Amino acid sequence: APLLILEYLLKYERLDEHVQDGPISGELRLEFTDDHALLQQYNDEALVYLTIQECSDLDKRVLRLLEQAKVEEATSWKKKVIQILHKVENKDSLGFVSVLLTRAKQRLIEMQLLQQSNVHASAKAKNYLIKQLDKDAAEEEDEDMGFGLFD
């Protein structure tokens, strides 16, 4: 039988005064299972979350390397980020990994172009890329990437 963890009562006032709603009450119960299919579903979600956090940390490394003008090494790490994301893409039910992969591939192309560009153009390109990677890393740290799902 499910184990009672929490009873709740939510009282609120709606902004729409024409609708009368009463308070919401309920219970939170946990049921233990040895159904590995259910366990795998939650393990996949946790794996995706942890992978996004890992890639965020790696992107910070990429950013530091670019700031030090180590474009080739930064490019190598960005490729590693893409490989890591590919491993969990099929486990992501919300589509965050696909968004991150698209962005990572775009940044990789930009980094490869930076490697090939001349010195004058590369200074501007490097500054642009640093700003973009900094913004990307900040969004990755937010576990729902700014969609507001976990706020």
Protein backbone atom coordinates (compact mmCIF):
# COMPACT_ATOMS: atom_id res chain seq x y z
CA ALA A 1 0.00 0.00 0.00
CA PRO A 2 1.23 3.54 -0.72
CA LEU A 3 2.86 5.30 2.21
CA LEU A 4 1.35 8.70 3.18
CA ILE A 5 4.09 11.33 3.04
CA LEU A 6 2.21 14.64 3.04
CA GLU A 7 -1.28 16.09 3.34
CA TYR A 8 -1.82 19.55 1.87
CA LEU A 9 -4.42 22.31 1.67
CA LEU A 10 -3.90 25.11 -0.85
CA LYS A 11 -6.01 28.24 -0.44
CA TYR A 12 -5.83 30.96 -3.03
CA GLU A 13 -7.71 33.85 -4.60
CA ARG A 14 -8.09 33.99 -8.35
CA LEU A 15 -7.51 37.18 -10.23
CA ASP A 16 -10.63 36.45 -12.27
CA GLU A 17 -13.33 37.42 -9.76
CA HIS A 18 -16.11 35.79 -11.76
CA VAL A 19 -14.90 32.28 -11.03
CA GLN A 20 -15.36 30.82 -7.58
CA ASP A 21 -12.97 28.02 -6.72
CA GLY A 22 -12.58 26.40 -3.37
CA PRO A 23 -9.30 25.36 -1.81
CA ILE A 24 -7.37 22.41 -3.21
CA SER A 25 -6.49 19.62 -0.85
CA GLY A 26 -4.83 16.30 -1.29
CA GLU A 27 -2.21 13.85 -0.24
CA LEU A 28 1.18 12.85 -1.45
CA ARG A 29 1.77 9.12 -1.21
CA LEU A 30 4.75 7.03 -2.23
CA GLU A 31 4.53 3.51 -3.46
CA PHE A 32 7.61 1.36 -3.62
CA THR A 33 8.15 -0.86 -6.61
CA ASP A 34 10.59 -3.29 -8.06
CA ASP A 35 9.31 -2.66 -11.59
CA HIS A 36 12.57 -1.87 -13.34
CA ALA A 37 10.80 -0.25 -16.30
CA LEU A 38 9.51 2.49 -13.98
CA LEU A 39 12.89 2.86 -12.34
CA GLN A 40 14.63 3.15 -15.72
CA GLN A 41 12.31 6.01 -16.74
CA TYR A 42 13.37 8.09 -13.75
CA ASN A 43 17.00 7.09 -14.11
CA ASP A 44 16.93 8.40 -17.69
CA GLU A 45 15.57 11.76 -16.55
CA ALA A 46 18.26 12.00 -13.87
CA LEU A 47 20.94 11.02 -16.39
CA VAL A 48 19.80 13.76 -18.79
CA TYR A 49 19.86 16.35 -16.01
CA LEU A 50 23.34 15.31 -14.87
CA THR A 51 24.61 15.28 -18.45
CA ILE A 52 23.37 18.83 -19.03
CA GLN A 53 25.18 19.92 -15.86
CA GLU A 54 28.37 18.17 -17.01
CA CYS A 55 28.17 19.87 -20.41
CA SER A 56 27.66 23.22 -18.72
CA ASP A 57 30.90 22.70 -16.80
CA LEU A 58 32.71 21.67 -19.98
CA ASP A 59 31.37 24.73 -21.80
CA LYS A 60 32.86 26.91 -19.07
CA ARG A 61 36.20 25.23 -19.81
CA VAL A 62 35.70 25.95 -23.52
CA LEU A 63 34.98 29.58 -22.66
CA ARG A 64 38.15 29.90 -20.55
CA LEU A 65 40.23 28.33 -23.33
CA LEU A 66 38.83 30.78 -25.89
CA GLU A 67 39.58 33.68 -23.57
CA GLN A 68 43.18 32.40 -23.51
CA ALA A 69 43.14 32.22 -27.34
CA LYS A 70 43.47 28.42 -27.26
CA VAL A 71 40.95 27.94 -30.04
CA GLU A 72 42.13 24.50 -31.16
CA GLU A 73 41.90 23.06 -27.64
CA ALA A 74 38.53 24.74 -27.08
CA THR A 75 37.27 23.21 -30.33
CA SER A 76 38.35 19.77 -29.18
CA TRP A 77 36.43 20.16 -25.91
CA LYS A 78 33.34 21.41 -27.77
CA LYS A 79 33.41 18.24 -29.89
CA LYS A 80 33.47 16.24 -26.65
CA VAL A 81 30.38 18.15 -25.40
CA ILE A 82 28.55 17.20 -28.60
CA GLN A 83 29.51 13.53 -28.19
CA ILE A 84 28.28 13.50 -24.59
CA LEU A 85 24.96 15.12 -25.53
CA HIS A 86 24.42 12.63 -28.36
CA LYS A 87 24.62 9.77 -25.84
CA VAL A 88 21.52 10.98 -23.95
CA GLU A 89 19.53 12.59 -26.76
CA ASN A 90 17.14 9.63 -27.04
CA LYS A 91 16.55 9.62 -23.26
CA ASP A 92 15.39 13.26 -23.12
CA SER A 93 11.59 13.41 -23.12
CA LEU A 94 11.46 17.23 -22.99
CA GLY A 95 13.74 18.01 -25.92
CA PHE A 96 16.34 20.05 -24.02
CA VAL A 97 19.23 17.96 -25.30
CA SER A 98 18.20 18.55 -28.92
CA VAL A 99 18.22 22.30 -28.32
CA LEU A 100 21.64 22.08 -26.68
CA LEU A 101 22.99 19.91 -29.51
CA THR A 102 21.82 22.35 -32.17
CA ARG A 103 23.44 25.23 -30.31
CA ALA A 104 26.65 23.27 -29.62
CA LYS A 105 27.01 22.34 -33.30
CA GLN A 106 26.53 25.98 -34.29
CA ARG A 107 29.19 27.10 -31.79
CA LEU A 108 31.54 24.39 -33.10
CA ILE A 109 31.15 25.71 -36.66
CA GLU A 110 31.84 29.24 -35.40
CA MET A 111 34.94 28.03 -33.56
CA GLN A 112 36.22 26.21 -36.64
CA LEU A 113 35.70 29.36 -38.71
CA LEU A 114 37.58 31.31 -36.05
CA GLN A 115 40.53 28.94 -36.44
CA GLN A 116 40.62 29.65 -40.17
CA SER A 117 40.13 33.42 -40.08
CA ASN A 118 42.77 36.12 -40.24
CA VAL A 119 44.09 37.88 -37.12
CA HIS A 120 42.00 41.07 -37.43
CA ALA A 121 38.72 39.31 -38.13
CA SER A 122 39.41 36.65 -35.51
CA ALA A 123 39.61 39.20 -32.67
CA LYS A 124 36.03 40.33 -33.35
CA ALA A 125 34.86 36.77 -33.95
CA LYS A 126 36.52 35.57 -30.76
CA ASN A 127 34.84 38.28 -28.69
CA TYR A 128 31.46 37.44 -30.21
CA LEU A 129 31.97 33.73 -29.60
CA ILE A 130 33.04 34.31 -25.99
CA LYS A 131 29.84 36.30 -25.34
CA GLN A 132 27.71 33.57 -26.93
CA LEU A 133 29.39 30.76 -24.99
CA ASP A 134 29.02 32.69 -21.75
CA LYS A 135 25.30 33.10 -22.44
CA ASP A 136 24.98 29.40 -23.38
CA ALA A 137 26.69 28.29 -20.16
CA ALA A 138 24.38 30.49 -18.07
CA GLU A 139 21.31 28.95 -19.72
CA GLU A 140 22.65 25.42 -19.23
CA GLU A 141 23.09 26.08 -15.51
CA ASP A 142 19.37 26.81 -15.34
CA GLU A 143 18.09 23.22 -15.29
CA ASP A 144 15.12 24.01 -17.52
CA MET A 145 17.12 26.28 -19.88
CA GLY A 146 14.90 29.29 -19.24
CA PHE A 147 11.64 27.57 -20.10
CA GLY A 148 10.36 28.19 -16.54
CA LEU A 149 9.38 24.58 -15.91
CA PHE A 150 11.13 24.30 -12.57
CA ASP A 151 10.73 27.88 -11.30
